[in-house]
Amino acid sequence: MAEAGERQELALLLRRLTVELDAVGQRFAQLHGLNRTDVRALVAIMDAARRGRR
């Protein structure tokens, strides 16, 4: 049973982290006059560049 409880706790912590990271992304977008899709596009471009693709 402890394993199930640990999984539930981990899921809760991951949800909390997701909410916080979303808020950070939203603040970043607002500060730079962007919207969420703009930020996601920038992340995709940065990830592609890191992998050597453009």
Protein backbone atom coordinates (compact mmCIF):
# COMPACT_ATOMS: atom_id res chain seq x y z
CA MET A 1 0.00 0.00 0.00
CA ALA A 2 2.86 2.40 0.65
CA GLU A 3 3.75 2.29 -3.04
CA ALA A 4 0.27 3.46 -4.06
CA GLY A 5 0.44 6.29 -1.54
CA GLU A 6 3.88 7.29 -2.79
CA ARG A 7 2.63 7.32 -6.39
CA GLN A 8 -0.30 9.52 -5.40
CA GLU A 9 2.03 11.89 -3.57
CA LEU A 10 4.34 12.03 -6.59
CA ALA A 11 1.38 12.74 -8.89
CA LEU A 12 0.28 15.57 -6.59
CA LEU A 13 3.76 17.09 -6.55
CA LEU A 14 4.02 16.84 -10.33
CA ARG A 15 0.67 18.61 -10.74
CA ARG A 16 1.81 21.38 -8.40
CA LEU A 17 5.07 21.73 -10.33
CA THR A 18 3.18 21.89 -13.62
CA VAL A 19 0.95 24.68 -12.31
CA GLU A 20 3.95 26.65 -11.05
CA LEU A 21 5.92 26.22 -14.29
CA ASP A 22 2.88 27.27 -16.30
CA ALA A 23 2.64 30.44 -14.20
CA VAL A 24 6.33 31.20 -14.78
CA GLY A 25 5.88 30.70 -18.52
CA GLN A 26 2.86 32.96 -18.52
CA ARG A 27 4.74 35.71 -16.66
CA PHE A 28 7.66 35.39 -19.09
CA ALA A 29 5.32 35.69 -22.05
CA GLN A 30 3.60 38.77 -20.60
CA LEU A 31 6.91 40.48 -19.84
CA HIS A 32 8.00 40.03 -23.44
CA GLY A 33 4.69 40.77 -25.15
CA LEU A 34 4.22 37.16 -26.23
CA ASN A 35 1.48 34.61 -25.88
CA ARG A 36 1.75 30.95 -24.85
CA THR A 37 2.08 29.64 -28.39
CA ASP A 38 4.90 32.10 -29.08
CA VAL A 39 6.79 30.80 -26.05
CA ARG A 40 6.19 27.20 -27.09
CA ALA A 41 7.47 27.99 -30.58
CA LEU A 42 10.61 29.58 -29.11
CA VAL A 43 11.20 26.50 -26.96
CA ALA A 44 10.80 24.24 -30.00
CA ILE A 45 13.29 26.36 -31.96
CA MET A 46 15.81 26.33 -29.09
CA ASP A 47 15.46 22.56 -28.69
CA ALA A 48 15.95 22.01 -32.43
CA ALA A 49 19.02 24.26 -32.42
CA ARG A 50 20.45 22.33 -29.49
CA ARG A 51 20.03 19.12 -31.47
CA GLY A 52 21.77 20.71 -34.44
CA ARG A 53 18.65 21.31 -36.53
CA ARG A 54 17.33 24.69 -37.62
